[in-house]
Amino acid sequence: MSGGVGPCSEICLPKEEQQVQPDGVDFSKKQQKQEKGRSFFTFKQMNALAVVIVLSTSGMVSIEDAAFVVFSLMYMYFISRVAFPPISSNFSVSEPHVFNENNRILSVYTFLGIVIGLFLPIAYIFEGIFEGDKEGIKAATPHVFLLASQIFMEGVACGGSFSLPIQVFVPAFYNSRRIFTLVEWLRNEIYKVEKENSGGGRRLYVGRLLAIANASFWCFNLFGFLLPIYLPKAFKNHYSAAAGYKTAKQM
């Protein structure tokens, strides 16, 4: 989970368009060399893609969740062209960071999200295979699949020269969808004691604790961070950068 807080790069104008904004902020003093064959798959995105592929080929992913991922990709490209295009068609021009990359609190928060939302549920699923907990695996898989898909899509949004609103769209869209899968996971953990193939007693409590932890964390992430903090700041930066770029071109 990155929450969309991983910025791509600083704003940089081509050499012939290097200007200083009226407010004294240097729009670009150094020309950014256009990256040749920019790599858009980082190690994190490749690992997330591997999780998506493994879960998909195992037959544990529903058609609805797979269709959601495909739809999100198509819709992301659609609104990128229609509603929120990049501030410039020039590949070397990108938007400013939403948050400081060296923000320790944000780094810890992101790491905590990955551990709670991905590492522990994956371990829970693998243990369930050996314990014969088919119900627990079935309940936890949708969340893991969608979170891994979100991480991969965030890499696509950042590495594909999309605007900041598109980068906001990915975590907000996926987080909203995963809230429903987490509710189902929690409900399943509460009532699976009455079902067959539900694992042992220790696993029952671990599953409930993990479901509660994920539901709490991701509800806070959506309603306490993405919507009230990250989304407004990203839109403010986007429109400020667009206005600054337009002004710089006219100077």
C-alpha atoms as a PDB file:
ATOM      1  CA  MET A   1       0.000   0.000   0.000  1.00  0.00           C
ATOM      2  CA  SER A   2       1.385   3.362  -0.981  1.00  0.00           C
ATOM      3  CA  GLY A   3      -1.782   5.317  -0.693  1.00  0.00           C
ATOM      4  CA  GLY A   4      -0.768   7.100  -3.841  1.00  0.00           C
ATOM      5  CA  VAL A   5       1.816   9.088  -1.928  1.00  0.00           C
ATOM      6  CA  GLY A   6       4.747   7.982  -4.030  1.00  0.00           C
ATOM      7  CA  PRO A   7       5.364  10.924  -6.354  1.00  0.00           C
ATOM      8  CA  CYS A   8       6.921  10.437  -9.750  1.00  0.00           C
ATOM      9  CA  SER A   9       9.318  13.300 -10.115  1.00  0.00           C
ATOM     10  CA  GLU A  10       9.678  17.028  -9.737  1.00  0.00           C
ATOM     11  CA  ILE A  11       8.321  19.448 -12.291  1.00  0.00           C
ATOM     12  CA  CYS A  12      10.811  20.227 -15.018  1.00  0.00           C
ATOM     13  CA  LEU A  13      10.451  22.230 -18.200  1.00  0.00           C
ATOM     14  CA  PRO A  14      12.284  21.578 -21.444  1.00  0.00           C
ATOM     15  CA  LYS A  15      15.423  23.645 -21.931  1.00  0.00           C
ATOM     16  CA  GLU A  16      13.810  26.165 -24.203  1.00  0.00           C
ATOM     17  CA  GLU A  17      10.964  26.686 -21.713  1.00  0.00           C
ATOM     18  CA  GLN A  18      12.962  27.065 -18.492  1.00  0.00           C
ATOM     19  CA  GLN A  19      11.401  29.943 -16.607  1.00  0.00           C
ATOM     20  CA  VAL A  20      10.981  31.307 -13.113  1.00  0.00           C
ATOM     21  CA  GLN A  21       7.471  31.686 -11.794  1.00  0.00           C
ATOM     22  CA  PRO A  22       6.327  35.146 -10.787  1.00  0.00           C
ATOM     23  CA  ASP A  23       6.281  34.197  -7.104  1.00  0.00           C
ATOM     24  CA  GLY A  24      10.014  33.457  -7.199  1.00  0.00           C
ATOM     25  CA  VAL A  25       9.758  29.682  -7.236  1.00  0.00           C
ATOM     26  CA  ASP A  26      12.210  28.219  -9.713  1.00  0.00           C
ATOM     27  CA  PHE A  27      10.136  26.118 -12.053  1.00  0.00           C
ATOM     28  CA  SER A  28      13.244  24.409 -13.397  1.00  0.00           C
ATOM     29  CA  LYS A  29      16.915  25.348 -13.384  1.00  0.00           C
ATOM     30  CA  LYS A  30      18.144  22.044 -14.704  1.00  0.00           C
ATOM     31  CA  GLN A  31      16.834  20.284 -17.709  1.00  0.00           C
ATOM     32  CA  GLN A  32      15.540  16.823 -16.941  1.00  0.00           C
ATOM     33  CA  LYS A  33      16.806  14.417 -19.528  1.00  0.00           C
ATOM     34  CA  GLN A  34      13.972  12.535 -21.050  1.00  0.00           C
ATOM     35  CA  GLU A  35      14.179   8.989 -19.784  1.00  0.00           C
ATOM     36  CA  LYS A  36      14.719   6.440 -22.490  1.00  0.00           C
ATOM     37  CA  GLY A  37      12.380   3.513 -22.161  1.00  0.00           C
ATOM     38  CA  ARG A  38      11.242   4.632 -18.734  1.00  0.00           C
ATOM     39  CA  SER A  39      10.747   1.575 -16.567  1.00  0.00           C
ATOM     40  CA  PHE A  40       7.392   1.530 -15.099  1.00  0.00           C
ATOM     41  CA  PHE A  41       7.528  -1.646 -13.143  1.00  0.00           C
ATOM     42  CA  THR A  42       9.444  -1.394  -9.890  1.00  0.00           C
ATOM     43  CA  PHE A  43      10.391  -4.356  -7.715  1.00  0.00           C
ATOM     44  CA  LYS A  44       7.345  -3.680  -5.546  1.00  0.00           C
ATOM     45  CA  GLN A  45       4.999  -3.609  -8.521  1.00  0.00           C
ATOM     46  CA  MET A  46       6.471  -6.818  -9.939  1.00  0.00           C
ATOM     47  CA  ASN A  47       5.944  -8.597  -6.609  1.00  0.00           C
ATOM     48  CA  ALA A  48       2.371  -7.324  -6.475  1.00  0.00           C
ATOM     49  CA  LEU A  49       1.789  -8.523 -10.031  1.00  0.00           C
ATOM     50  CA  ALA A  50       3.162 -11.953  -9.066  1.00  0.00           C
ATOM     51  CA  VAL A  51       0.629 -12.161  -6.214  1.00  0.00           C
ATOM     52  CA  VAL A  52      -2.173 -11.180  -8.596  1.00  0.00           C
ATOM     53  CA  ILE A  53      -1.148 -13.837 -11.117  1.00  0.00           C
ATOM     54  CA  VAL A  54      -0.766 -16.591  -8.509  1.00  0.00           C
ATOM     55  CA  LEU A  55      -4.160 -15.895  -6.954  1.00  0.00           C
ATOM     56  CA  SER A  56      -5.839 -15.600 -10.349  1.00  0.00           C
ATOM     57  CA  THR A  57      -4.422 -18.857 -11.699  1.00  0.00           C
ATOM     58  CA  SER A  58      -5.301 -20.682  -8.477  1.00  0.00           C
ATOM     59  CA  GLY A  59      -8.992 -20.118  -9.143  1.00  0.00           C
ATOM     60  CA  MET A  60      -9.536 -18.279  -5.843  1.00  0.00           C
ATOM     61  CA  VAL A  61     -10.398 -14.929  -7.458  1.00  0.00           C
ATOM     62  CA  SER A  62     -14.006 -14.207  -8.347  1.00  0.00           C
ATOM     63  CA  ILE A  63     -15.053 -12.961 -11.764  1.00  0.00           C
ATOM     64  CA  GLU A  64     -16.376  -9.781 -10.149  1.00  0.00           C
ATOM     65  CA  ASP A  65     -13.009  -8.870  -8.615  1.00  0.00           C
ATOM     66  CA  ALA A  66     -11.126  -9.633 -11.832  1.00  0.00           C
ATOM     67  CA  ALA A  67     -13.619  -7.525 -13.792  1.00  0.00           C
ATOM     68  CA  PHE A  68     -13.175  -4.687 -11.288  1.00  0.00           C
ATOM     69  CA  VAL A  69      -9.417  -4.578 -11.958  1.00  0.00           C
ATOM     70  CA  VAL A  70      -9.923  -4.567 -15.736  1.00  0.00           C
ATOM     71  CA  PHE A  71     -12.566  -1.844 -15.445  1.00  0.00           C
ATOM     72  CA  SER A  72     -10.329   0.295 -13.220  1.00  0.00           C
ATOM     73  CA  LEU A  73      -7.559   0.165 -15.828  1.00  0.00           C
ATOM     74  CA  MET A  74      -9.857   1.163 -18.679  1.00  0.00           C
ATOM     75  CA  TYR A  75     -11.566   3.873 -16.645  1.00  0.00           C
ATOM     76  CA  MET A  76      -8.224   5.281 -15.510  1.00  0.00           C
ATOM     77  CA  TYR A  77      -7.164   5.797 -19.115  1.00  0.00           C
ATOM     78  CA  PHE A  78     -10.600   7.189 -19.990  1.00  0.00           C
ATOM     79  CA  ILE A  79     -10.686   9.926 -17.334  1.00  0.00           C
ATOM     80  CA  SER A  80      -7.024  10.665 -18.014  1.00  0.00           C
ATOM     81  CA  ARG A  81      -7.958  11.644 -21.548  1.00  0.00           C
ATOM     82  CA  VAL A  82     -11.346  13.228 -20.869  1.00  0.00           C
ATOM     83  CA  ALA A  83     -11.204  14.847 -17.425  1.00  0.00           C
ATOM     84  CA  PHE A  84      -7.655  15.014 -16.024  1.00  0.00           C
ATOM     85  CA  PRO A  85      -4.977  15.013 -18.733  1.00  0.00           C
ATOM     86  CA  PRO A  86      -1.331  15.665 -17.782  1.00  0.00           C
ATOM     87  CA  ILE A  87      -0.409  19.325 -17.374  1.00  0.00           C
ATOM     88  CA  SER A  88       1.824  19.014 -20.444  1.00  0.00           C
ATOM     89  CA  SER A  89       2.188  16.594 -23.322  1.00  0.00           C
ATOM     90  CA  ASN A  90       5.958  16.839 -22.891  1.00  0.00           C
ATOM     91  CA  PHE A  91       7.223  13.621 -21.296  1.00  0.00           C
ATOM     92  CA  SER A  92       9.847  15.457 -19.219  1.00  0.00           C
ATOM     93  CA  VAL A  93       7.246  17.590 -17.458  1.00  0.00           C
ATOM     94  CA  SER A  94       5.709  15.977 -14.399  1.00  0.00           C
ATOM     95  CA  GLU A  95       3.885  17.208 -11.332  1.00  0.00           C
ATOM     96  CA  PRO A  96       5.225  18.031  -7.852  1.00  0.00           C
ATOM     97  CA  HIS A  97       5.286  15.649  -4.926  1.00  0.00           C
ATOM     98  CA  VAL A  98       2.193  15.539  -2.766  1.00  0.00           C
ATOM     99  CA  PHE A  99       4.256  14.693   0.316  1.00  0.00           C
ATOM    100  CA  ASN A 100       7.942  14.837   1.099  1.00  0.00           C
ATOM    101  CA  GLU A 101       9.598  11.566   0.133  1.00  0.00           C
ATOM    102  CA  ASN A 102      11.662  11.680   3.334  1.00  0.00           C
ATOM    103  CA  ASN A 103       8.613  11.887   5.593  1.00  0.00           C
ATOM    104  CA  ARG A 104       9.328   9.216   8.219  1.00  0.00           C
ATOM    105  CA  ILE A 105       5.815   9.110   9.620  1.00  0.00           C
ATOM    106  CA  LEU A 106       4.413   8.489   6.161  1.00  0.00           C
ATOM    107  CA  SER A 107       7.025   5.791   5.494  1.00  0.00           C
ATOM    108  CA  VAL A 108       6.125   3.976   8.723  1.00  0.00           C
ATOM    109  CA  TYR A 109       2.420   4.319   7.944  1.00  0.00           C
ATOM    110  CA  THR A 110       2.923   2.876   4.461  1.00  0.00           C
ATOM    111  CA  PHE A 111       5.043  -0.002   5.778  1.00  0.00           C
ATOM    112  CA  LEU A 112       2.436  -0.755   8.443  1.00  0.00           C
ATOM    113  CA  GLY A 113      -0.239  -0.894   5.762  1.00  0.00           C
ATOM    114  CA  ILE A 114       1.764  -3.361   3.680  1.00  0.00           C
ATOM    115  CA  VAL A 115       2.400  -5.611   6.688  1.00  0.00           C
ATOM    116  CA  ILE A 116      -1.205  -5.587   7.929  1.00  0.00           C
ATOM    117  CA  GLY A 117      -2.841  -5.614   4.519  1.00  0.00           C
ATOM    118  CA  LEU A 118      -0.557  -7.870   2.489  1.00  0.00           C
ATOM    119  CA  PHE A 119       2.163  -9.813   4.323  1.00  0.00           C
ATOM    120  CA  LEU A 120       0.056 -11.116   7.218  1.00  0.00           C
ATOM    121  CA  PRO A 121      -2.995 -12.038   5.088  1.00  0.00           C
ATOM    122  CA  ILE A 122      -0.734 -13.884   2.617  1.00  0.00           C
ATOM    123  CA  ALA A 123       0.801 -15.826   5.515  1.00  0.00           C
ATOM    124  CA  TYR A 124      -2.734 -16.493   6.790  1.00  0.00           C
ATOM    125  CA  ILE A 125      -3.761 -17.879   3.394  1.00  0.00           C
ATOM    126  CA  PHE A 126      -0.707 -20.132   3.125  1.00  0.00           C
ATOM    127  CA  GLU A 127      -1.262 -21.477   6.634  1.00  0.00           C
ATOM    128  CA  GLY A 128      -4.883 -22.098   5.745  1.00  0.00           C
ATOM    129  CA  ILE A 129      -3.789 -24.377   2.919  1.00  0.00           C
ATOM    130  CA  PHE A 130      -2.019 -26.636   5.412  1.00  0.00           C
ATOM    131  CA  GLU A 131      -4.748 -26.318   8.056  1.00  0.00           C
ATOM    132  CA  GLY A 132      -7.538 -27.049   5.593  1.00  0.00           C
ATOM    133  CA  ASP A 133      -9.268 -23.747   6.320  1.00  0.00           C
ATOM    134  CA  LYS A 134     -11.068 -23.324   3.011  1.00  0.00           C
ATOM    135  CA  GLU A 135     -13.516 -20.797   4.427  1.00  0.00           C
ATOM    136  CA  GLY A 136     -10.745 -18.549   5.783  1.00  0.00           C
ATOM    137  CA  ILE A 137      -8.832 -18.665   2.493  1.00  0.00           C
ATOM    138  CA  LYS A 138     -11.951 -17.874   0.521  1.00  0.00           C
ATOM    139  CA  ALA A 139     -12.721 -14.867   2.733  1.00  0.00           C
ATOM    140  CA  ALA A 140      -9.215 -13.374   2.820  1.00  0.00           C
ATOM    141  CA  THR A 141      -8.318 -13.802  -0.860  1.00  0.00           C
ATOM    142  CA  PRO A 142     -10.448 -10.949  -2.324  1.00  0.00           C
ATOM    143  CA  HIS A 143      -8.792  -8.362  -0.086  1.00  0.00           C
ATOM    144  CA  VAL A 144      -5.268  -9.604  -0.875  1.00  0.00           C
ATOM    145  CA  PHE A 145      -5.985  -9.763  -4.600  1.00  0.00           C
ATOM    146  CA  LEU A 146      -7.419  -6.245  -4.721  1.00  0.00           C
ATOM    147  CA  LEU A 147      -4.632  -4.751  -2.585  1.00  0.00           C
ATOM    148  CA  ALA A 148      -1.947  -6.357  -4.744  1.00  0.00           C
ATOM    149  CA  SER A 149      -3.783  -5.064  -7.829  1.00  0.00           C
ATOM    150  CA  GLN A 150      -3.919  -1.603  -6.259  1.00  0.00           C
ATOM    151  CA  ILE A 151      -0.155  -1.563  -5.644  1.00  0.00           C
ATOM    152  CA  PHE A 152       0.471  -2.592  -9.231  1.00  0.00           C
ATOM    153  CA  MET A 153      -1.964  -0.009 -10.596  1.00  0.00           C
ATOM    154  CA  GLU A 154      -0.394   2.734  -8.483  1.00  0.00           C
ATOM    155  CA  GLY A 155       2.875   1.917 -10.231  1.00  0.00           C
ATOM    156  CA  VAL A 156       1.153   2.196 -13.594  1.00  0.00           C
ATOM    157  CA  ALA A 157      -0.437   5.540 -12.644  1.00  0.00           C
ATOM    158  CA  CYS A 158       2.862   6.972 -11.417  1.00  0.00           C
ATOM    159  CA  GLY A 159       5.128   5.541 -14.099  1.00  0.00           C
ATOM    160  CA  GLY A 160       2.768   6.206 -16.974  1.00  0.00           C
ATOM    161  CA  SER A 161       2.889  10.017 -16.849  1.00  0.00           C
ATOM    162  CA  PHE A 162      -0.624  10.371 -15.488  1.00  0.00           C
ATOM    163  CA  SER A 163      -1.739  13.517 -13.679  1.00  0.00           C
ATOM    164  CA  LEU A 164      -2.030  13.717  -9.894  1.00  0.00           C
ATOM    165  CA  PRO A 165      -5.845  13.324  -9.896  1.00  0.00           C
ATOM    166  CA  ILE A 166      -5.413   9.977 -11.650  1.00  0.00           C
ATOM    167  CA  GLN A 167      -2.841   8.925  -9.080  1.00  0.00           C
ATOM    168  CA  VAL A 168      -5.371   9.829  -6.370  1.00  0.00           C
ATOM    169  CA  PHE A 169      -8.102   7.913  -8.149  1.00  0.00           C
ATOM    170  CA  VAL A 170      -6.327   4.533  -7.897  1.00  0.00           C
ATOM    171  CA  PRO A 171      -5.955   4.206  -4.097  1.00  0.00           C
ATOM    172  CA  ALA A 172      -9.312   5.854  -3.394  1.00  0.00           C
ATOM    173  CA  PHE A 173     -11.141   3.645  -5.906  1.00  0.00           C
ATOM    174  CA  TYR A 174      -9.540   0.416  -4.719  1.00  0.00           C
ATOM    175  CA  ASN A 175      -9.760   1.271  -1.034  1.00  0.00           C
ATOM    176  CA  SER A 176     -13.491   1.934  -1.402  1.00  0.00           C
ATOM    177  CA  ARG A 177     -14.000  -1.441  -3.077  1.00  0.00           C
ATOM    178  CA  ARG A 178     -11.941  -3.301  -0.501  1.00  0.00           C
ATOM    179  CA  ILE A 179     -14.062  -2.007   2.368  1.00  0.00           C
ATOM    180  CA  PHE A 180     -16.843  -4.328   1.164  1.00  0.00           C
ATOM    181  CA  THR A 181     -14.501  -7.322   0.895  1.00  0.00           C
ATOM    182  CA  LEU A 182     -13.221  -6.643   4.410  1.00  0.00           C
ATOM    183  CA  VAL A 183     -16.760  -6.576   5.799  1.00  0.00           C
ATOM    184  CA  GLU A 184     -17.399  -9.944   4.150  1.00  0.00           C
ATOM    185  CA  TRP A 185     -14.115 -11.295   5.510  1.00  0.00           C
ATOM    186  CA  LEU A 186     -15.013 -10.190   9.047  1.00  0.00           C
ATOM    187  CA  ARG A 187     -18.508 -11.620   8.772  1.00  0.00           C
ATOM    188  CA  ASN A 188     -17.099 -14.923   7.542  1.00  0.00           C
ATOM    189  CA  GLU A 189     -14.591 -15.128  10.404  1.00  0.00           C
ATOM    190  CA  ILE A 190     -17.346 -14.563  12.944  1.00  0.00           C
ATOM    191  CA  TYR A 191     -19.709 -17.205  11.607  1.00  0.00           C
ATOM    192  CA  LYS A 192     -17.335 -19.791  10.118  1.00  0.00           C
ATOM    193  CA  VAL A 193     -17.096 -21.628  13.455  1.00  0.00           C
ATOM    194  CA  GLU A 194     -20.395 -23.212  12.470  1.00  0.00           C
ATOM    195  CA  LYS A 195     -19.048 -24.385   9.106  1.00  0.00           C
ATOM    196  CA  GLU A 196     -16.883 -27.280   8.044  1.00  0.00           C
ATOM    197  CA  ASN A 197     -13.298 -26.761   6.800  1.00  0.00           C
ATOM    198  CA  SER A 198     -12.845 -23.736   9.059  1.00  0.00           C
ATOM    199  CA  GLY A 199      -9.486 -24.613  10.649  1.00  0.00           C
ATOM    200  CA  GLY A 200      -8.618 -24.941  14.319  1.00  0.00           C
ATOM    201  CA  GLY A 201      -9.538 -22.775  17.292  1.00  0.00           C
ATOM    202  CA  ARG A 202      -6.308 -20.743  17.316  1.00  0.00           C
ATOM    203  CA  ARG A 203      -6.696 -19.947  13.647  1.00  0.00           C
ATOM    204  CA  LEU A 204     -10.248 -18.797  14.269  1.00  0.00           C
ATOM    205  CA  TYR A 205      -9.074 -16.063  16.660  1.00  0.00           C
ATOM    206  CA  VAL A 206      -6.116 -15.109  14.453  1.00  0.00           C
ATOM    207  CA  GLY A 207      -8.448 -14.729  11.475  1.00  0.00           C
ATOM    208  CA  ARG A 208     -10.851 -12.535  13.409  1.00  0.00           C
ATOM    209  CA  LEU A 209      -8.044 -10.348  14.734  1.00  0.00           C
ATOM    210  CA  LEU A 210      -6.542  -9.979  11.257  1.00  0.00           C
ATOM    211  CA  ALA A 211      -9.910  -9.112   9.711  1.00  0.00           C
ATOM    212  CA  ILE A 212     -10.633  -6.524  12.416  1.00  0.00           C
ATOM    213  CA  ALA A 213      -7.154  -4.995  12.069  1.00  0.00           C
ATOM    214  CA  ASN A 214      -7.510  -4.666   8.300  1.00  0.00           C
ATOM    215  CA  ALA A 215     -11.051  -3.300   8.477  1.00  0.00           C
ATOM    216  CA  SER A 216      -9.964  -0.687  11.028  1.00  0.00           C
ATOM    217  CA  PHE A 217      -6.777   0.312   9.215  1.00  0.00           C
ATOM    218  CA  TRP A 218      -8.270   0.621   5.742  1.00  0.00           C
ATOM    219  CA  CYS A 219     -11.404   2.421   6.927  1.00  0.00           C
ATOM    220  CA  PHE A 220      -9.142   4.977   8.578  1.00  0.00           C
ATOM    221  CA  ASN A 221      -6.958   5.113   5.467  1.00  0.00           C
ATOM    222  CA  LEU A 222      -9.962   5.961   3.303  1.00  0.00           C
ATOM    223  CA  PHE A 223     -11.979   8.231   5.605  1.00  0.00           C
ATOM    224  CA  GLY A 224      -9.164   9.653   7.716  1.00  0.00           C
ATOM    225  CA  PHE A 225      -6.345  10.069   5.191  1.00  0.00           C
ATOM    226  CA  LEU A 226      -7.176   9.665   1.497  1.00  0.00           C
ATOM    227  CA  LEU A 227     -10.411  11.672   1.341  1.00  0.00           C
ATOM    228  CA  PRO A 228      -9.782  14.505   3.855  1.00  0.00           C
ATOM    229  CA  ILE A 229      -5.991  14.932   3.432  1.00  0.00           C
ATOM    230  CA  TYR A 230      -4.427  13.316   0.386  1.00  0.00           C
ATOM    231  CA  LEU A 231      -7.141  14.037  -2.168  1.00  0.00           C
ATOM    232  CA  PRO A 232      -7.508  17.814  -1.473  1.00  0.00           C
ATOM    233  CA  LYS A 233      -3.725  18.297  -1.310  1.00  0.00           C
ATOM    234  CA  ALA A 234      -3.189  16.393  -4.560  1.00  0.00           C
ATOM    235  CA  PHE A 235      -5.826  18.433  -6.402  1.00  0.00           C
ATOM    236  CA  LYS A 236      -4.401  21.674  -5.023  1.00  0.00           C
ATOM    237  CA  ASN A 237      -0.914  20.724  -6.202  1.00  0.00           C
ATOM    238  CA  HIS A 238      -2.239  19.648  -9.589  1.00  0.00           C
ATOM    239  CA  TYR A 239      -4.067  22.879 -10.354  1.00  0.00           C
ATOM    240  CA  SER A 240      -1.245  25.019  -8.908  1.00  0.00           C
ATOM    241  CA  ALA A 241       1.282  23.193 -11.092  1.00  0.00           C
ATOM    242  CA  ALA A 242      -0.957  23.550 -14.145  1.00  0.00           C
ATOM    243  CA  ALA A 243      -1.347  27.278 -13.550  1.00  0.00           C
ATOM    244  CA  GLY A 244       2.380  27.675 -12.923  1.00  0.00           C
ATOM    245  CA  TYR A 245       3.287  25.783 -16.073  1.00  0.00           C
ATOM    246  CA  LYS A 246       0.885  27.880 -18.131  1.00  0.00           C
ATOM    247  CA  THR A 247       2.319  31.092 -16.703  1.00  0.00           C
ATOM    248  CA  ALA A 248       5.888  29.932 -17.302  1.00  0.00           C
ATOM    249  CA  LYS A 249       5.152  29.159 -20.949  1.00  0.00           C
ATOM    250  CA  GLN A 250       3.750  32.641 -21.471  1.00  0.00           C
ATOM    251  CA  MET A 251       6.808  34.401 -20.023  1.00  0.00           C
END
